[in-house]
Amino acid sequence: MATADTHRHALALSMLLIVGVHILGNHKVSANCKEIVPSLVSNCSRFVRVPGPKVPPSAACCQVAQAVTVADVPCFCKLITPAVEKVISMEKVVYVARTCGLPVPPGTVCGSYTVPPKFV
């Protein structure tokens, strides 16, 4: 049985996807994606949980998400396992990223999820 810490860690990893996938157009110097996990958990996890409706992320969540660089994408995507995908909604991950103004290219794949086209 999964513990609360396991679920919290899984949520953090999914948030890594949010900020990692969207940055494909950002050319900043990379930071270690694992160093960002605590901030992502505390600021963004509630917006990507499987149960519940899509809720726009907070300004604090967007600020953390925007700190991720293109070089972090491979690290984030490696962290998206089937277990993580049971706890977080990949659709919400993309919604949060796009709501924070981060481009998430259609066709991007992390875990078993492929980002669909953005519908206006």
N, C-alpha and C. Protein backbone atom coordinates (compact mmCIF):
# COMPACT_ATOMS: atom_id res chain seq x y z
N MET A 1 0.84 -1.19 0.00
CA MET A 1 0.00 0.00 0.00
C MET A 1 0.88 1.24 0.00
N ALA A 2 0.54 2.20 -0.83
CA ALA A 2 1.33 3.42 -0.96
C ALA A 2 1.10 4.34 0.24
N THR A 3 2.15 4.99 0.67
CA THR A 3 2.05 5.92 1.78
C THR A 3 1.78 7.33 1.26
N ALA A 4 1.45 8.22 2.17
CA ALA A 4 1.23 9.62 1.78
C ALA A 4 2.49 10.21 1.19
N ASP A 5 3.66 9.82 1.73
CA ASP A 5 4.92 10.32 1.18
C ASP A 5 5.14 9.83 -0.24
N THR A 6 4.75 8.59 -0.52
CA THR A 6 4.89 8.06 -1.87
C THR A 6 4.02 8.85 -2.83
N HIS A 7 2.79 9.13 -2.43
CA HIS A 7 1.89 9.92 -3.28
C HIS A 7 2.42 11.33 -3.47
N ARG A 8 2.93 11.90 -2.42
CA ARG A 8 3.47 13.25 -2.51
C ARG A 8 4.66 13.30 -3.46
N HIS A 9 5.52 12.29 -3.36
CA HIS A 9 6.68 12.21 -4.25
C HIS A 9 6.22 12.04 -5.70
N ALA A 10 5.20 11.22 -5.91
CA ALA A 10 4.68 11.00 -7.26
C ALA A 10 4.11 12.30 -7.82
N LEU A 11 3.43 13.05 -7.00
CA LEU A 11 2.89 14.34 -7.45
C LEU A 11 4.02 15.29 -7.83
N ALA A 12 5.07 15.26 -7.05
CA ALA A 12 6.21 16.11 -7.36
C ALA A 12 6.82 15.73 -8.70
N LEU A 13 6.95 14.46 -8.92
CA LEU A 13 7.54 14.01 -10.18
C LEU A 13 6.67 14.42 -11.36
N SER A 14 5.38 14.37 -11.19
CA SER A 14 4.50 14.78 -12.29
C SER A 14 4.62 16.27 -12.56
N MET A 15 4.83 17.04 -11.52
CA MET A 15 5.00 18.46 -11.73
C MET A 15 6.30 18.72 -12.49
N LEU A 16 7.26 17.86 -12.29
CA LEU A 16 8.48 17.99 -13.06
C LEU A 16 8.17 17.88 -14.55
N LEU A 17 7.25 17.02 -14.87
CA LEU A 17 6.83 16.90 -16.27
C LEU A 17 6.26 18.21 -16.76
N ILE A 18 5.39 18.79 -15.98
CA ILE A 18 4.76 20.05 -16.39
C ILE A 18 5.82 21.06 -16.80
N VAL A 19 6.70 21.30 -15.90
CA VAL A 19 7.66 22.35 -16.16
C VAL A 19 8.71 21.93 -17.17
N GLY A 20 8.97 20.66 -17.26
CA GLY A 20 9.97 20.19 -18.20
C GLY A 20 9.50 20.18 -19.63
N VAL A 21 8.35 19.64 -19.87
CA VAL A 21 7.85 19.49 -21.24
C VAL A 21 7.60 20.84 -21.90
N HIS A 22 7.09 21.79 -21.17
CA HIS A 22 6.72 23.07 -21.75
C HIS A 22 7.91 23.93 -22.16
N ILE A 23 9.05 23.64 -21.67
CA ILE A 23 10.21 24.51 -21.84
C ILE A 23 10.96 24.27 -23.14
N LEU A 24 10.44 23.48 -24.00
CA LEU A 24 11.20 23.12 -25.20
C LEU A 24 11.69 24.32 -25.97
N GLY A 25 11.05 25.46 -25.83
CA GLY A 25 11.50 26.65 -26.52
C GLY A 25 12.40 27.55 -25.68
N ASN A 26 12.62 27.19 -24.44
CA ASN A 26 13.41 28.00 -23.51
C ASN A 26 14.87 27.54 -23.57
N HIS A 27 15.79 28.46 -23.71
CA HIS A 27 17.19 28.10 -23.86
C HIS A 27 18.06 28.55 -22.69
N LYS A 28 17.51 28.60 -21.49
CA LYS A 28 18.29 28.96 -20.31
C LYS A 28 19.25 27.83 -19.97
N VAL A 29 20.20 28.14 -19.12
CA VAL A 29 21.11 27.11 -18.61
C VAL A 29 20.31 26.20 -17.69
N SER A 30 20.56 24.90 -17.79
CA SER A 30 19.78 23.92 -17.04
C SER A 30 20.09 23.92 -15.55
N ALA A 31 19.06 23.64 -14.76
CA ALA A 31 19.21 23.38 -13.33
C ALA A 31 18.92 21.89 -13.14
N ASN A 32 19.35 21.35 -12.04
CA ASN A 32 19.07 19.94 -11.76
C ASN A 32 17.59 19.81 -11.43
N CYS A 33 16.87 19.01 -12.22
CA CYS A 33 15.42 18.91 -12.03
C CYS A 33 15.06 18.39 -10.64
N LYS A 34 15.88 17.55 -10.06
CA LYS A 34 15.57 16.99 -8.75
C LYS A 34 15.63 18.05 -7.65
N GLU A 35 16.36 19.12 -7.86
CA GLU A 35 16.42 20.20 -6.87
C GLU A 35 15.13 21.00 -6.82
N ILE A 36 14.34 20.91 -7.87
CA ILE A 36 13.11 21.69 -7.96
C ILE A 36 11.92 20.97 -7.33
N VAL A 37 12.04 19.67 -7.11
CA VAL A 37 10.92 18.86 -6.61
C VAL A 37 10.23 19.44 -5.38
N PRO A 38 10.94 19.82 -4.31
CA PRO A 38 10.23 20.32 -3.13
C PRO A 38 9.35 21.54 -3.41
N SER A 39 9.83 22.47 -4.21
CA SER A 39 9.04 23.65 -4.54
C SER A 39 7.82 23.29 -5.39
N LEU A 40 8.01 22.35 -6.31
CA LEU A 40 6.89 21.92 -7.14
C LEU A 40 5.83 21.24 -6.31
N VAL A 41 6.25 20.40 -5.38
CA VAL A 41 5.29 19.71 -4.52
C VAL A 41 4.50 20.72 -3.71
N SER A 42 5.20 21.62 -3.06
CA SER A 42 4.50 22.55 -2.17
C SER A 42 3.63 23.56 -2.91
N ASN A 43 3.99 23.88 -4.15
CA ASN A 43 3.25 24.92 -4.87
C ASN A 43 2.29 24.42 -5.95
N CYS A 44 2.51 23.21 -6.46
CA CYS A 44 1.74 22.80 -7.65
C CYS A 44 1.00 21.48 -7.53
N SER A 45 1.32 20.62 -6.60
CA SER A 45 0.76 19.28 -6.59
C SER A 45 -0.76 19.24 -6.55
N ARG A 46 -1.37 20.16 -5.83
CA ARG A 46 -2.84 20.12 -5.71
C ARG A 46 -3.55 20.39 -7.03
N PHE A 47 -2.86 20.93 -8.00
CA PHE A 47 -3.47 21.25 -9.29
C PHE A 47 -3.43 20.11 -10.29
N VAL A 48 -2.72 19.03 -10.00
CA VAL A 48 -2.57 17.94 -10.96
C VAL A 48 -3.01 16.58 -10.44
N ARG A 49 -3.61 16.53 -9.28
CA ARG A 49 -4.08 15.26 -8.73
C ARG A 49 -5.18 14.69 -9.62
N VAL A 50 -5.26 13.36 -9.65
CA VAL A 50 -6.25 12.69 -10.48
C VAL A 50 -7.67 13.10 -10.12
N PRO A 51 -8.10 13.03 -8.86
CA PRO A 51 -9.48 13.40 -8.59
C PRO A 51 -9.70 14.90 -8.68
N GLY A 52 -10.92 15.27 -9.02
CA GLY A 52 -11.31 16.68 -9.03
C GLY A 52 -11.20 17.34 -10.38
N PRO A 53 -11.77 18.55 -10.45
CA PRO A 53 -11.79 19.30 -11.71
C PRO A 53 -10.45 19.99 -11.99
N LYS A 54 -10.30 20.46 -13.21
CA LYS A 54 -9.14 21.29 -13.55
C LYS A 54 -9.32 22.62 -12.84
N VAL A 55 -8.27 23.05 -12.15
CA VAL A 55 -8.29 24.31 -11.43
C VAL A 55 -7.07 25.11 -11.88
N PRO A 56 -7.25 26.38 -12.24
CA PRO A 56 -6.08 27.17 -12.63
C PRO A 56 -5.04 27.20 -11.52
N PRO A 57 -3.77 27.08 -11.89
CA PRO A 57 -2.71 27.08 -10.88
C PRO A 57 -2.51 28.45 -10.26
N SER A 58 -1.91 28.45 -9.09
CA SER A 58 -1.61 29.70 -8.41
C SER A 58 -0.41 30.38 -9.06
N ALA A 59 -0.24 31.65 -8.74
CA ALA A 59 0.92 32.40 -9.23
C ALA A 59 2.21 31.76 -8.72
N ALA A 60 2.20 31.26 -7.49
CA ALA A 60 3.39 30.61 -6.92
C ALA A 60 3.74 29.35 -7.70
N CYS A 61 2.74 28.58 -8.09
CA CYS A 61 2.98 27.38 -8.88
C CYS A 61 3.59 27.77 -10.23
N CYS A 62 3.02 28.74 -10.88
CA CYS A 62 3.55 29.17 -12.18
C CYS A 62 4.98 29.69 -12.07
N GLN A 63 5.26 30.39 -11.00
CA GLN A 63 6.63 30.91 -10.82
C GLN A 63 7.63 29.77 -10.74
N VAL A 64 7.30 28.71 -9.99
CA VAL A 64 8.18 27.56 -9.88
C VAL A 64 8.28 26.85 -11.23
N ALA A 65 7.15 26.66 -11.89
CA ALA A 65 7.13 25.97 -13.18
C ALA A 65 8.00 26.68 -14.21
N GLN A 66 8.00 27.98 -14.19
CA GLN A 66 8.75 28.75 -15.17
C GLN A 66 10.26 28.75 -14.91
N ALA A 67 10.69 28.18 -13.81
CA ALA A 67 12.11 28.12 -13.49
C ALA A 67 12.82 26.92 -14.14
N VAL A 68 12.07 26.04 -14.77
CA VAL A 68 12.65 24.85 -15.37
C VAL A 68 13.16 25.15 -16.77
N THR A 69 14.21 24.45 -17.17
CA THR A 69 14.84 24.71 -18.46
C THR A 69 14.68 23.52 -19.41
N VAL A 70 14.97 23.76 -20.67
CA VAL A 70 14.87 22.73 -21.69
C VAL A 70 15.77 21.53 -21.38
N ALA A 71 16.90 21.76 -20.78
CA ALA A 71 17.81 20.67 -20.46
C ALA A 71 17.26 19.75 -19.38
N ASP A 72 16.25 20.20 -18.62
CA ASP A 72 15.65 19.39 -17.57
C ASP A 72 14.63 18.39 -18.10
N VAL A 73 14.16 18.56 -19.34
CA VAL A 73 13.09 17.73 -19.88
C VAL A 73 13.40 16.23 -19.79
N PRO A 74 14.55 15.76 -20.23
CA PRO A 74 14.82 14.32 -20.14
C PRO A 74 14.76 13.80 -18.70
N CYS A 75 15.24 14.57 -17.75
CA CYS A 75 15.18 14.17 -16.35
C CYS A 75 13.74 14.02 -15.91
N PHE A 76 12.91 14.99 -16.22
CA PHE A 76 11.51 14.95 -15.84
C PHE A 76 10.79 13.76 -16.45
N CYS A 77 11.01 13.55 -17.71
CA CYS A 77 10.30 12.47 -18.40
C CYS A 77 10.69 11.10 -17.88
N LYS A 78 11.93 10.94 -17.45
CA LYS A 78 12.36 9.67 -16.86
C LYS A 78 11.61 9.39 -15.56
N LEU A 79 11.16 10.42 -14.89
CA LEU A 79 10.49 10.27 -13.61
C LEU A 79 9.01 9.93 -13.73
N ILE A 80 8.46 10.02 -14.92
CA ILE A 80 7.03 9.75 -15.11
C ILE A 80 6.85 8.26 -15.39
N THR A 81 6.52 7.54 -14.33
CA THR A 81 6.33 6.10 -14.39
C THR A 81 4.84 5.78 -14.37
N PRO A 82 4.48 4.53 -14.62
CA PRO A 82 3.07 4.14 -14.48
C PRO A 82 2.51 4.45 -13.09
N ALA A 83 3.33 4.30 -12.06
CA ALA A 83 2.87 4.60 -10.69
C ALA A 83 2.55 6.08 -10.54
N VAL A 84 3.38 6.94 -11.10
CA VAL A 84 3.14 8.38 -11.04
C VAL A 84 1.85 8.71 -11.77
N GLU A 85 1.65 8.08 -12.93
CA GLU A 85 0.47 8.36 -13.74
C GLU A 85 -0.83 7.89 -13.09
N LYS A 86 -0.76 7.04 -12.07
CA LYS A 86 -1.96 6.63 -11.32
C LYS A 86 -2.37 7.70 -10.32
N VAL A 87 -1.43 8.56 -9.95
CA VAL A 87 -1.67 9.55 -8.91
C VAL A 87 -1.96 10.93 -9.48
N ILE A 88 -1.37 11.22 -10.62
CA ILE A 88 -1.56 12.54 -11.22
C ILE A 88 -2.26 12.41 -12.57
N SER A 89 -2.90 13.47 -12.96
CA SER A 89 -3.57 13.54 -14.26
C SER A 89 -2.63 14.23 -15.24
N MET A 90 -2.17 13.50 -16.22
CA MET A 90 -1.28 14.10 -17.21
C MET A 90 -2.00 15.21 -17.99
N GLU A 91 -3.29 15.06 -18.17
CA GLU A 91 -4.07 16.12 -18.82
C GLU A 91 -4.00 17.40 -17.99
N LYS A 92 -4.10 17.27 -16.67
CA LYS A 92 -4.01 18.44 -15.80
C LYS A 92 -2.59 19.02 -15.79
N VAL A 93 -1.60 18.15 -15.91
CA VAL A 93 -0.22 18.61 -15.96
C VAL A 93 -0.05 19.57 -17.15
N VAL A 94 -0.55 19.15 -18.30
CA VAL A 94 -0.44 19.99 -19.50
C VAL A 94 -1.29 21.26 -19.34
N TYR A 95 -2.47 21.12 -18.77
CA TYR A 95 -3.34 22.27 -18.53
C TYR A 95 -2.64 23.31 -17.64
N VAL A 96 -2.02 22.85 -16.56
CA VAL A 96 -1.33 23.76 -15.65
C VAL A 96 -0.16 24.44 -16.38
N ALA A 97 0.61 23.67 -17.10
CA ALA A 97 1.75 24.24 -17.83
C ALA A 97 1.27 25.31 -18.80
N ARG A 98 0.27 25.00 -19.59
CA ARG A 98 -0.22 25.96 -20.58
C ARG A 98 -0.87 27.16 -19.92
N THR A 99 -1.55 26.95 -18.80
CA THR A 99 -2.16 28.06 -18.07
C THR A 99 -1.08 29.00 -17.52
N CYS A 100 0.06 28.45 -17.18
CA CYS A 100 1.19 29.25 -16.70
C CYS A 100 1.93 29.93 -17.85
N GLY A 101 1.43 29.75 -19.07
CA GLY A 101 2.03 30.41 -20.22
C GLY A 101 3.20 29.66 -20.82
N LEU A 102 3.31 28.39 -20.51
CA LEU A 102 4.42 27.58 -20.98
C LEU A 102 4.00 26.78 -22.21
N PRO A 103 4.74 26.89 -23.29
CA PRO A 103 4.37 26.14 -24.49
C PRO A 103 4.63 24.65 -24.31
N VAL A 104 3.62 23.86 -24.54
CA VAL A 104 3.75 22.41 -24.48
C VAL A 104 3.43 21.90 -25.88
N PRO A 105 4.44 21.59 -26.66
CA PRO A 105 4.22 21.19 -28.05
C PRO A 105 3.38 19.92 -28.18
N PRO A 106 2.38 19.93 -29.05
CA PRO A 106 1.62 18.71 -29.31
C PRO A 106 2.57 17.61 -29.76
N GLY A 107 2.29 16.40 -29.34
CA GLY A 107 3.13 15.26 -29.72
C GLY A 107 4.24 14.97 -28.73
N THR A 108 4.47 15.86 -27.77
CA THR A 108 5.48 15.60 -26.73
C THR A 108 5.05 14.38 -25.93
N VAL A 109 5.99 13.47 -25.67
CA VAL A 109 5.68 12.25 -24.94
C VAL A 109 6.51 12.20 -23.66
N CYS A 110 5.82 11.96 -22.55
CA CYS A 110 6.46 11.69 -21.26
C CYS A 110 5.64 10.60 -20.60
N GLY A 111 6.32 9.58 -20.13
CA GLY A 111 5.59 8.44 -19.61
C GLY A 111 4.80 7.84 -20.76
N SER A 112 3.56 7.49 -20.49
CA SER A 112 2.72 6.93 -21.56
C SER A 112 1.82 7.99 -22.19
N TYR A 113 1.99 9.24 -21.78
CA TYR A 113 1.12 10.32 -22.25
C TYR A 113 1.72 11.06 -23.42
N THR A 114 0.89 11.30 -24.43
CA THR A 114 1.28 12.12 -25.57
C THR A 114 0.43 13.38 -25.53
N VAL A 115 1.07 14.53 -25.56
CA VAL A 115 0.38 15.81 -25.49
C VAL A 115 -0.46 16.02 -26.76
N PRO A 116 -1.77 16.25 -26.58
CA PRO A 116 -2.63 16.49 -27.75
C PRO A 116 -2.49 17.93 -28.22
N PRO A 117 -3.07 18.23 -29.40
CA PRO A 117 -3.06 19.62 -29.87
C PRO A 117 -3.81 20.52 -28.88
N LYS A 118 -3.41 21.77 -28.84
CA LYS A 118 -4.10 22.73 -27.97
C LYS A 118 -5.32 23.23 -28.70
N PHE A 119 -6.47 23.10 -28.05
CA PHE A 119 -7.70 23.60 -28.65
C PHE A 119 -8.06 24.92 -27.99
N VAL A 120 -8.42 25.88 -28.81
CA VAL A 120 -8.75 27.21 -28.30
C VAL A 120 -10.22 27.27 -27.98
